[in-house]
Structure formats: structure tokens, C-alpha cells
Amino acid sequence: MDKEDTAFKLVELYVREVSKSHEKRQMGLDTIMNAYFYALMRIERKQKEMEAIGTAIQREASLKKEEAPEIPKPKEEAFEFE
């Protein structure tokens, strides 16, 4: 689902919940449009944050691989049973 659809569904849910409640709240077109663009902006911001976190994790993982010393494997000794 793309971010525009997600923002639309969030606003749709918001309007549905407000209309179900017993509050007599006036919601004009401007209020609904502002809610849509606010939801869209939040989704885009979260998407950018998640991309930045993913990049930081990948960079950290690559640094740890470079810094980690190799642990030598123990030599296998041949045991003779009598």
C-alpha cells in the first residue's frame, strides 16, 4: 500500500470514528484536507527515519565486520586409542 492510500485510510478512519461518537464536532473540508496532509507528512517522515536507521545499521554492521579479529580455529589432534 503506498503512502497516499495509507494517509487516506487513516483520515477515513478518523472521520468515521468522530462521526460515530456523540460529539457534535464540525468538520469542514479544510479540516479533513489538513488531516490528510498531516497524516501523509507523518508517514513520509517515518519512512525517511526508517531508511536512515536501516543505513546506520548496515554501516555499523560493516564496521564491526572490519574490526572483528579472526579467531583461530583449534588444531585438530589425532588421538590414538590403544
N, C-alpha and C. Protein backbone atom coordinates (compact mmCIF):
# COMPACT_ATOMS: atom_id res chain seq x y z
N MET A 1 0.86 -1.16 0.00
CA MET A 1 0.00 0.00 0.00
C MET A 1 0.91 1.23 0.00
N ASP A 2 0.65 2.16 -0.89
CA ASP A 2 1.50 3.34 -0.95
C ASP A 2 1.09 4.35 0.12
N LYS A 3 1.92 5.37 0.31
CA LYS A 3 1.71 6.29 1.41
C LYS A 3 0.44 7.13 1.25
N GLU A 4 0.04 7.44 0.02
CA GLU A 4 -1.19 8.20 -0.18
C GLU A 4 -2.42 7.40 0.26
N ASP A 5 -2.43 6.11 -0.08
CA ASP A 5 -3.54 5.26 0.34
C ASP A 5 -3.58 5.11 1.85
N THR A 6 -2.42 4.98 2.45
CA THR A 6 -2.34 4.86 3.90
C THR A 6 -2.88 6.12 4.57
N ALA A 7 -2.46 7.29 4.09
CA ALA A 7 -2.95 8.56 4.65
C ALA A 7 -4.46 8.67 4.47
N PHE A 8 -4.98 8.28 3.30
CA PHE A 8 -6.41 8.34 3.05
C PHE A 8 -7.17 7.45 4.03
N LYS A 9 -6.68 6.23 4.23
CA LYS A 9 -7.36 5.30 5.13
C LYS A 9 -7.32 5.79 6.58
N LEU A 10 -6.22 6.43 6.98
CA LEU A 10 -6.14 6.99 8.32
C LEU A 10 -7.18 8.10 8.52
N VAL A 11 -7.29 8.98 7.53
CA VAL A 11 -8.28 10.06 7.63
C VAL A 11 -9.69 9.50 7.57
N GLU A 12 -9.91 8.51 6.74
CA GLU A 12 -11.23 7.87 6.66
C GLU A 12 -11.62 7.27 8.02
N LEU A 13 -10.68 6.61 8.66
CA LEU A 13 -10.92 6.04 9.98
C LEU A 13 -11.21 7.14 10.99
N TYR A 14 -10.45 8.22 10.93
CA TYR A 14 -10.65 9.35 11.82
C TYR A 14 -12.04 9.93 11.67
N VAL A 15 -12.45 10.18 10.44
CA VAL A 15 -13.78 10.76 10.19
C VAL A 15 -14.87 9.80 10.64
N ARG A 16 -14.70 8.52 10.39
CA ARG A 16 -15.70 7.53 10.79
C ARG A 16 -15.83 7.50 12.32
N GLU A 17 -14.71 7.51 13.02
CA GLU A 17 -14.75 7.46 14.48
C GLU A 17 -15.35 8.73 15.07
N VAL A 18 -15.03 9.88 14.50
CA VAL A 18 -15.60 11.13 15.00
C VAL A 18 -17.10 11.16 14.75
N SER A 19 -17.55 10.66 13.60
CA SER A 19 -18.98 10.67 13.30
C SER A 19 -19.75 9.66 14.16
N LYS A 20 -19.09 8.60 14.61
CA LYS A 20 -19.74 7.63 15.49
C LYS A 20 -19.92 8.17 16.90
N SER A 21 -18.94 8.98 17.33
CA SER A 21 -19.01 9.49 18.70
C SER A 21 -20.18 10.45 18.82
N HIS A 22 -20.55 10.70 20.02
CA HIS A 22 -21.71 11.56 20.26
C HIS A 22 -21.35 13.03 20.31
N GLU A 23 -20.12 13.33 19.99
CA GLU A 23 -19.72 14.73 19.95
C GLU A 23 -20.30 15.37 18.69
N LYS A 24 -20.76 16.56 18.83
CA LYS A 24 -21.27 17.30 17.67
C LYS A 24 -20.15 18.21 17.17
N ARG A 25 -19.15 17.60 16.63
CA ARG A 25 -17.98 18.34 16.16
C ARG A 25 -18.16 18.68 14.70
N GLN A 26 -17.90 19.91 14.36
CA GLN A 26 -17.99 20.35 12.97
C GLN A 26 -16.67 20.07 12.27
N MET A 27 -16.76 19.37 11.15
CA MET A 27 -15.57 19.10 10.36
C MET A 27 -15.84 19.56 8.94
N GLY A 28 -15.13 20.58 8.55
CA GLY A 28 -15.26 21.06 7.20
C GLY A 28 -14.23 20.41 6.29
N LEU A 29 -14.30 20.79 5.04
CA LEU A 29 -13.36 20.24 4.05
C LEU A 29 -11.92 20.59 4.41
N ASP A 30 -11.69 21.80 4.91
CA ASP A 30 -10.33 22.20 5.29
C ASP A 30 -9.78 21.31 6.38
N THR A 31 -10.61 20.98 7.36
CA THR A 31 -10.17 20.12 8.46
C THR A 31 -9.80 18.74 7.95
N ILE A 32 -10.60 18.20 7.06
CA ILE A 32 -10.34 16.87 6.52
C ILE A 32 -9.09 16.88 5.65
N MET A 33 -8.93 17.92 4.83
CA MET A 33 -7.74 18.02 3.98
C MET A 33 -6.49 18.19 4.83
N ASN A 34 -6.58 19.00 5.88
CA ASN A 34 -5.43 19.18 6.77
C ASN A 34 -5.06 17.86 7.44
N ALA A 35 -6.07 17.10 7.84
CA ALA A 35 -5.81 15.81 8.45
C ALA A 35 -5.11 14.87 7.47
N TYR A 36 -5.55 14.88 6.21
CA TYR A 36 -4.94 14.04 5.18
C TYR A 36 -3.47 14.42 4.97
N PHE A 37 -3.20 15.71 4.79
CA PHE A 37 -1.83 16.13 4.53
C PHE A 37 -0.93 15.95 5.76
N TYR A 38 -1.50 16.11 6.94
CA TYR A 38 -0.75 15.86 8.16
C TYR A 38 -0.37 14.38 8.25
N ALA A 39 -1.33 13.50 7.98
CA ALA A 39 -1.05 12.05 8.02
C ALA A 39 -0.02 11.69 6.96
N LEU A 40 -0.13 12.24 5.77
CA LEU A 40 0.82 11.98 4.69
C LEU A 40 2.23 12.44 5.09
N MET A 41 2.32 13.63 5.70
CA MET A 41 3.61 14.15 6.12
C MET A 41 4.24 13.25 7.18
N ARG A 42 3.44 12.78 8.13
CA ARG A 42 3.96 11.90 9.18
C ARG A 42 4.45 10.58 8.60
N ILE A 43 3.71 10.03 7.65
CA ILE A 43 4.11 8.77 7.01
C ILE A 43 5.43 8.95 6.27
N GLU A 44 5.56 10.04 5.53
CA GLU A 44 6.80 10.30 4.79
C GLU A 44 7.98 10.48 5.75
N ARG A 45 7.76 11.19 6.87
CA ARG A 45 8.82 11.40 7.84
C ARG A 45 9.24 10.07 8.46
N LYS A 46 8.28 9.24 8.81
CA LYS A 46 8.60 7.94 9.40
C LYS A 46 9.34 7.06 8.40
N GLN A 47 8.96 7.15 7.14
CA GLN A 47 9.63 6.36 6.10
C GLN A 47 11.09 6.79 5.97
N LYS A 48 11.35 8.10 6.01
CA LYS A 48 12.73 8.60 5.93
C LYS A 48 13.52 8.18 7.16
N GLU A 49 12.87 8.23 8.33
CA GLU A 49 13.55 7.80 9.55
C GLU A 49 13.93 6.32 9.48
N MET A 50 13.02 5.50 8.99
CA MET A 50 13.30 4.07 8.88
C MET A 50 14.44 3.80 7.89
N GLU A 51 14.49 4.55 6.80
CA GLU A 51 15.58 4.40 5.83
C GLU A 51 16.91 4.80 6.46
N ALA A 52 16.91 5.89 7.24
CA ALA A 52 18.14 6.34 7.91
C ALA A 52 18.60 5.30 8.94
N ILE A 53 17.66 4.72 9.66
CA ILE A 53 18.01 3.69 10.64
C ILE A 53 18.59 2.47 9.93
N GLY A 54 17.98 2.07 8.82
CA GLY A 54 18.49 0.92 8.06
C GLY A 54 19.90 1.16 7.56
N THR A 55 20.16 2.38 7.07
CA THR A 55 21.50 2.72 6.60
C THR A 55 22.50 2.68 7.74
N ALA A 56 22.12 3.22 8.90
CA ALA A 56 23.01 3.23 10.05
C ALA A 56 23.32 1.81 10.52
N ILE A 57 22.31 0.94 10.50
CA ILE A 57 22.52 -0.45 10.91
C ILE A 57 23.48 -1.15 9.95
N GLN A 58 23.30 -0.93 8.66
CA GLN A 58 24.19 -1.55 7.68
C GLN A 58 25.62 -1.04 7.84
N ARG A 59 25.77 0.26 8.07
CA ARG A 59 27.10 0.84 8.24
C ARG A 59 27.75 0.28 9.51
N GLU A 60 26.99 0.19 10.58
CA GLU A 60 27.51 -0.35 11.85
C GLU A 60 27.92 -1.82 11.69
N ALA A 61 27.11 -2.57 10.97
CA ALA A 61 27.43 -3.99 10.76
C ALA A 61 28.70 -4.14 9.94
N SER A 62 28.88 -3.31 8.93
CA SER A 62 30.09 -3.42 8.11
C SER A 62 31.33 -2.99 8.90
N LEU A 63 31.19 -2.01 9.79
CA LEU A 63 32.32 -1.60 10.63
C LEU A 63 32.70 -2.70 11.61
N LYS A 64 31.71 -3.37 12.17
CA LYS A 64 32.00 -4.44 13.12
C LYS A 64 32.68 -5.61 12.43
N LYS A 65 32.31 -5.90 11.20
CA LYS A 65 32.96 -6.99 10.46
C LYS A 65 34.42 -6.66 10.21
N GLU A 66 34.72 -5.40 9.91
CA GLU A 66 36.11 -5.00 9.65
C GLU A 66 36.94 -5.01 10.92
N GLU A 67 36.34 -4.65 12.05
CA GLU A 67 37.07 -4.55 13.31
C GLU A 67 37.26 -5.90 14.00
N ALA A 68 36.38 -6.82 13.77
CA ALA A 68 36.40 -8.09 14.49
C ALA A 68 37.63 -8.90 14.09
N PRO A 69 38.45 -9.28 15.08
CA PRO A 69 39.62 -10.11 14.75
C PRO A 69 39.17 -11.54 14.47
N GLU A 70 39.92 -12.19 13.63
CA GLU A 70 39.59 -13.58 13.34
C GLU A 70 40.03 -14.45 14.49
N ILE A 71 39.18 -15.33 14.88
CA ILE A 71 39.51 -16.26 15.96
C ILE A 71 40.09 -17.50 15.31
N PRO A 72 41.32 -17.84 15.71
CA PRO A 72 41.92 -19.02 15.09
C PRO A 72 41.19 -20.29 15.50
N LYS A 73 41.08 -21.19 14.56
CA LYS A 73 40.43 -22.46 14.84
C LYS A 73 41.42 -23.36 15.57
N PRO A 74 40.93 -24.11 16.54
CA PRO A 74 41.85 -25.02 17.24
C PRO A 74 42.33 -26.11 16.30
N LYS A 75 43.57 -26.49 16.51
CA LYS A 75 44.14 -27.55 15.68
C LYS A 75 43.54 -28.88 16.07
N GLU A 76 43.27 -29.67 15.08
CA GLU A 76 42.74 -30.98 15.35
C GLU A 76 43.90 -31.94 15.58
N GLU A 77 43.87 -32.59 16.71
CA GLU A 77 44.93 -33.53 17.03
C GLU A 77 44.41 -34.94 16.83
N ALA A 78 45.28 -35.76 16.34
CA ALA A 78 44.88 -37.14 16.13
C ALA A 78 45.10 -37.90 17.43
N PHE A 79 44.07 -38.55 17.89
CA PHE A 79 44.18 -39.34 19.11
C PHE A 79 44.25 -40.81 18.72
N GLU A 80 45.17 -41.49 19.36
CA GLU A 80 45.29 -42.91 19.10
C GLU A 80 44.75 -43.66 20.32
N PHE A 81 43.88 -44.58 20.05
CA PHE A 81 43.33 -45.39 21.14
C PHE A 81 44.03 -46.73 21.14
N GLU A 82 44.39 -47.18 22.32
CA GLU A 82 45.06 -48.47 22.42
C GLU A 82 44.12 -49.53 22.90
